Amino acid sequence: MNKFGLLSLLMFGISVIAFFLMRGPEGDVYLGIIVFIALSVIGLLFAALSKQMLWTILGVGVNLIPLIFAFLLLLAMGISEP
């Protein structure tokens, strides 16, 4: 087991938990976007520091999901403002 690979997957898990905690009508969307981007970038860095190819591919794959979600959420917020 590689500790950087596991930390990369942990960043994905934290972003999923953060999604469920910050949802709802009173949720701050821009804070959620910042949290998703920060956790995804940290997870991608941990995946890049991983020495084993399996953990690197898996870490990059799962950490791109919240990053793309944050980008689409930011795009939707930009379109919805007058």
N, C-alpha and C. Protein backbone atom coordinates (compact mmCIF):
# COMPACT_ATOMS: atom_id res chain seq x y z
N MET A 1 0.83 -1.18 0.00
CA MET A 1 0.00 0.00 0.00
C MET A 1 0.88 1.25 0.00
N ASN A 2 0.45 2.21 -0.73
CA ASN A 2 1.17 3.46 -0.85
C ASN A 2 0.41 4.54 -0.11
N LYS A 3 1.12 5.28 0.77
CA LYS A 3 0.40 6.25 1.59
C LYS A 3 -0.09 7.45 0.77
N PHE A 4 0.64 7.85 -0.27
CA PHE A 4 0.17 8.97 -1.09
C PHE A 4 -1.03 8.57 -1.94
N GLY A 5 -1.07 7.34 -2.38
CA GLY A 5 -2.23 6.84 -3.12
C GLY A 5 -3.47 6.79 -2.25
N LEU A 6 -3.29 6.34 -1.02
CA LEU A 6 -4.42 6.30 -0.10
C LEU A 6 -4.87 7.71 0.29
N LEU A 7 -3.94 8.63 0.46
CA LEU A 7 -4.31 10.01 0.75
C LEU A 7 -5.05 10.64 -0.42
N SER A 8 -4.70 10.25 -1.62
CA SER A 8 -5.40 10.76 -2.79
C SER A 8 -6.85 10.28 -2.79
N LEU A 9 -7.07 9.02 -2.48
CA LEU A 9 -8.43 8.50 -2.40
C LEU A 9 -9.18 9.09 -1.21
N LEU A 10 -8.46 9.41 -0.14
CA LEU A 10 -9.08 10.04 1.01
C LEU A 10 -9.59 11.44 0.66
N MET A 11 -8.85 12.17 -0.17
CA MET A 11 -9.30 13.50 -0.60
C MET A 11 -10.59 13.41 -1.40
N PHE A 12 -10.72 12.36 -2.20
CA PHE A 12 -11.97 12.15 -2.92
C PHE A 12 -13.11 11.84 -1.95
N GLY A 13 -12.84 11.01 -0.96
CA GLY A 13 -13.86 10.69 0.03
C GLY A 13 -14.29 11.92 0.83
N ILE A 14 -13.35 12.78 1.17
CA ILE A 14 -13.68 14.00 1.90
C ILE A 14 -14.51 14.93 1.02
N SER A 15 -14.23 14.99 -0.26
CA SER A 15 -15.02 15.86 -1.13
C SER A 15 -16.44 15.32 -1.30
N VAL A 16 -16.62 14.00 -1.29
CA VAL A 16 -17.97 13.43 -1.35
C VAL A 16 -18.73 13.76 -0.07
N ILE A 17 -18.07 13.63 1.07
CA ILE A 17 -18.70 13.97 2.35
C ILE A 17 -19.03 15.46 2.39
N ALA A 18 -18.13 16.30 1.89
CA ALA A 18 -18.38 17.74 1.86
C ALA A 18 -19.56 18.07 0.97
N PHE A 19 -19.73 17.33 -0.12
CA PHE A 19 -20.89 17.55 -0.99
C PHE A 19 -22.19 17.30 -0.25
N PHE A 20 -22.24 16.22 0.51
CA PHE A 20 -23.47 15.90 1.23
C PHE A 20 -23.71 16.85 2.40
N LEU A 21 -22.66 17.40 2.97
CA LEU A 21 -22.84 18.34 4.07
C LEU A 21 -23.24 19.74 3.60
N MET A 22 -22.83 20.14 2.41
CA MET A 22 -23.08 21.50 1.94
C MET A 22 -24.24 21.61 0.97
N ARG A 23 -25.02 20.59 0.79
CA ARG A 23 -26.12 20.67 -0.15
C ARG A 23 -27.35 21.26 0.52
N GLY A 24 -28.33 21.61 -0.28
CA GLY A 24 -29.56 22.15 0.24
C GLY A 24 -29.76 23.59 -0.22
N PRO A 25 -30.91 24.14 0.08
CA PRO A 25 -31.20 25.50 -0.38
C PRO A 25 -30.36 26.58 0.33
N GLU A 26 -29.89 26.29 1.53
CA GLU A 26 -29.08 27.27 2.25
C GLU A 26 -27.59 27.06 2.04
N GLY A 27 -27.22 26.16 1.18
CA GLY A 27 -25.81 25.87 0.95
C GLY A 27 -25.12 26.98 0.17
N ASP A 28 -23.89 27.28 0.54
CA ASP A 28 -23.11 28.29 -0.16
C ASP A 28 -22.41 27.62 -1.35
N VAL A 29 -22.84 27.96 -2.54
CA VAL A 29 -22.35 27.29 -3.74
C VAL A 29 -20.88 27.63 -3.99
N TYR A 30 -20.51 28.89 -3.82
CA TYR A 30 -19.13 29.27 -4.10
C TYR A 30 -18.15 28.67 -3.10
N LEU A 31 -18.57 28.51 -1.85
CA LEU A 31 -17.72 27.82 -0.88
C LEU A 31 -17.55 26.35 -1.28
N GLY A 32 -18.62 25.74 -1.77
CA GLY A 32 -18.53 24.36 -2.24
C GLY A 32 -17.59 24.22 -3.42
N ILE A 33 -17.63 25.19 -4.33
CA ILE A 33 -16.73 25.15 -5.48
C ILE A 33 -15.28 25.26 -5.03
N ILE A 34 -15.01 26.15 -4.09
CA ILE A 34 -13.64 26.32 -3.58
C ILE A 34 -13.17 25.04 -2.88
N VAL A 35 -14.05 24.43 -2.10
CA VAL A 35 -13.68 23.19 -1.39
C VAL A 35 -13.42 22.07 -2.38
N PHE A 36 -14.28 21.92 -3.39
CA PHE A 36 -14.07 20.86 -4.38
C PHE A 36 -12.77 21.05 -5.15
N ILE A 37 -12.49 22.27 -5.55
CA ILE A 37 -11.26 22.53 -6.30
C ILE A 37 -10.03 22.28 -5.44
N ALA A 38 -10.06 22.76 -4.19
CA ALA A 38 -8.91 22.59 -3.31
C ALA A 38 -8.66 21.11 -3.02
N LEU A 39 -9.69 20.37 -2.69
CA LEU A 39 -9.51 18.95 -2.38
C LEU A 39 -9.09 18.16 -3.61
N SER A 40 -9.60 18.53 -4.78
CA SER A 40 -9.23 17.82 -5.99
C SER A 40 -7.77 18.08 -6.37
N VAL A 41 -7.32 19.32 -6.23
CA VAL A 41 -5.93 19.63 -6.55
C VAL A 41 -4.98 18.94 -5.58
N ILE A 42 -5.34 18.94 -4.29
CA ILE A 42 -4.50 18.24 -3.31
C ILE A 42 -4.49 16.74 -3.61
N GLY A 43 -5.64 16.18 -3.96
CA GLY A 43 -5.70 14.77 -4.32
C GLY A 43 -4.89 14.44 -5.57
N LEU A 44 -4.91 15.35 -6.55
CA LEU A 44 -4.10 15.13 -7.75
C LEU A 44 -2.61 15.21 -7.43
N LEU A 45 -2.23 16.09 -6.52
CA LEU A 45 -0.82 16.17 -6.12
C LEU A 45 -0.39 14.89 -5.40
N PHE A 46 -1.25 14.38 -4.51
CA PHE A 46 -0.94 13.13 -3.84
C PHE A 46 -0.85 11.98 -4.84
N ALA A 47 -1.70 11.98 -5.84
CA ALA A 47 -1.65 10.93 -6.86
C ALA A 47 -0.36 11.03 -7.68
N ALA A 48 0.08 12.25 -7.94
CA ALA A 48 1.33 12.42 -8.70
C ALA A 48 2.54 12.00 -7.87
N LEU A 49 2.47 12.16 -6.55
CA LEU A 49 3.57 11.75 -5.68
C LEU A 49 3.61 10.25 -5.44
N SER A 50 2.53 9.58 -5.78
CA SER A 50 2.48 8.14 -5.60
C SER A 50 3.46 7.46 -6.56
N LYS A 51 4.14 6.47 -6.07
CA LYS A 51 5.15 5.78 -6.87
C LYS A 51 4.58 4.66 -7.73
N GLN A 52 3.47 4.09 -7.31
CA GLN A 52 2.90 2.97 -8.04
C GLN A 52 1.91 3.46 -9.08
N MET A 53 1.96 2.87 -10.25
CA MET A 53 1.14 3.30 -11.37
C MET A 53 -0.35 3.10 -11.11
N LEU A 54 -0.73 2.04 -10.42
CA LEU A 54 -2.13 1.79 -10.12
C LEU A 54 -2.73 2.90 -9.27
N TRP A 55 -2.03 3.31 -8.22
CA TRP A 55 -2.54 4.36 -7.35
C TRP A 55 -2.55 5.71 -8.07
N THR A 56 -1.60 5.92 -8.95
CA THR A 56 -1.56 7.17 -9.71
C THR A 56 -2.76 7.28 -10.65
N ILE A 57 -3.02 6.23 -11.39
CA ILE A 57 -4.15 6.24 -12.34
C ILE A 57 -5.47 6.33 -11.58
N LEU A 58 -5.61 5.55 -10.52
CA LEU A 58 -6.84 5.56 -9.74
C LEU A 58 -7.05 6.91 -9.06
N GLY A 59 -5.99 7.49 -8.50
CA GLY A 59 -6.09 8.78 -7.83
C GLY A 59 -6.43 9.91 -8.78
N VAL A 60 -5.81 9.92 -9.95
CA VAL A 60 -6.12 10.96 -10.94
C VAL A 60 -7.54 10.79 -11.45
N GLY A 61 -7.94 9.54 -11.67
CA GLY A 61 -9.28 9.29 -12.19
C GLY A 61 -10.38 9.75 -11.27
N VAL A 62 -10.26 9.41 -9.99
CA VAL A 62 -11.34 9.78 -9.07
C VAL A 62 -11.28 11.24 -8.65
N ASN A 63 -10.12 11.86 -8.67
CA ASN A 63 -10.03 13.27 -8.28
C ASN A 63 -10.39 14.21 -9.42
N LEU A 64 -10.46 13.72 -10.62
CA LEU A 64 -10.94 14.56 -11.71
C LEU A 64 -12.46 14.70 -11.69
N ILE A 65 -13.15 13.76 -11.07
CA ILE A 65 -14.61 13.82 -11.01
C ILE A 65 -15.09 15.06 -10.25
N PRO A 66 -14.62 15.33 -9.01
CA PRO A 66 -15.08 16.54 -8.33
C PRO A 66 -14.57 17.82 -8.99
N LEU A 67 -13.41 17.74 -9.64
CA LEU A 67 -12.88 18.92 -10.32
C LEU A 67 -13.76 19.29 -11.51
N ILE A 68 -14.19 18.32 -12.27
CA ILE A 68 -15.09 18.58 -13.40
C ILE A 68 -16.45 19.03 -12.88
N PHE A 69 -16.91 18.43 -11.78
CA PHE A 69 -18.17 18.85 -11.18
C PHE A 69 -18.10 20.30 -10.72
N ALA A 70 -16.99 20.70 -10.11
CA ALA A 70 -16.83 22.09 -9.66
C ALA A 70 -16.80 23.04 -10.85
N PHE A 71 -16.15 22.63 -11.94
CA PHE A 71 -16.12 23.47 -13.14
C PHE A 71 -17.51 23.65 -13.72
N LEU A 72 -18.27 22.57 -13.81
CA LEU A 72 -19.63 22.68 -14.34
C LEU A 72 -20.54 23.49 -13.42
N LEU A 73 -20.34 23.37 -12.12
CA LEU A 73 -21.11 24.16 -11.16
C LEU A 73 -20.76 25.64 -11.28
N LEU A 74 -19.49 25.95 -11.45
CA LEU A 74 -19.07 27.33 -11.65
C LEU A 74 -19.61 27.89 -12.96
N LEU A 75 -19.62 27.08 -14.00
CA LEU A 75 -20.19 27.50 -15.28
C LEU A 75 -21.68 27.76 -15.14
N ALA A 76 -22.40 26.91 -14.43
CA ALA A 76 -23.84 27.09 -14.25
C ALA A 76 -24.14 28.35 -13.41
N MET A 77 -23.32 28.62 -12.42
CA MET A 77 -23.52 29.82 -11.61
C MET A 77 -23.23 31.08 -12.42
N GLY A 78 -22.28 31.00 -13.32
CA GLY A 78 -21.99 32.15 -14.18
C GLY A 78 -23.08 32.41 -15.19
N ILE A 79 -23.70 31.36 -15.69
CA ILE A 79 -24.78 31.52 -16.66
C ILE A 79 -26.03 32.05 -15.99
N SER A 80 -26.28 31.64 -14.73
CA SER A 80 -27.53 31.99 -14.08
C SER A 80 -27.56 33.43 -13.57
N GLU A 81 -26.40 34.06 -13.41
CA GLU A 81 -26.39 35.45 -12.92
C GLU A 81 -26.74 36.40 -14.05
N PRO A 82 -27.49 37.46 -13.71
CA PRO A 82 -27.90 38.40 -14.78
C PRO A 82 -26.77 39.26 -15.29
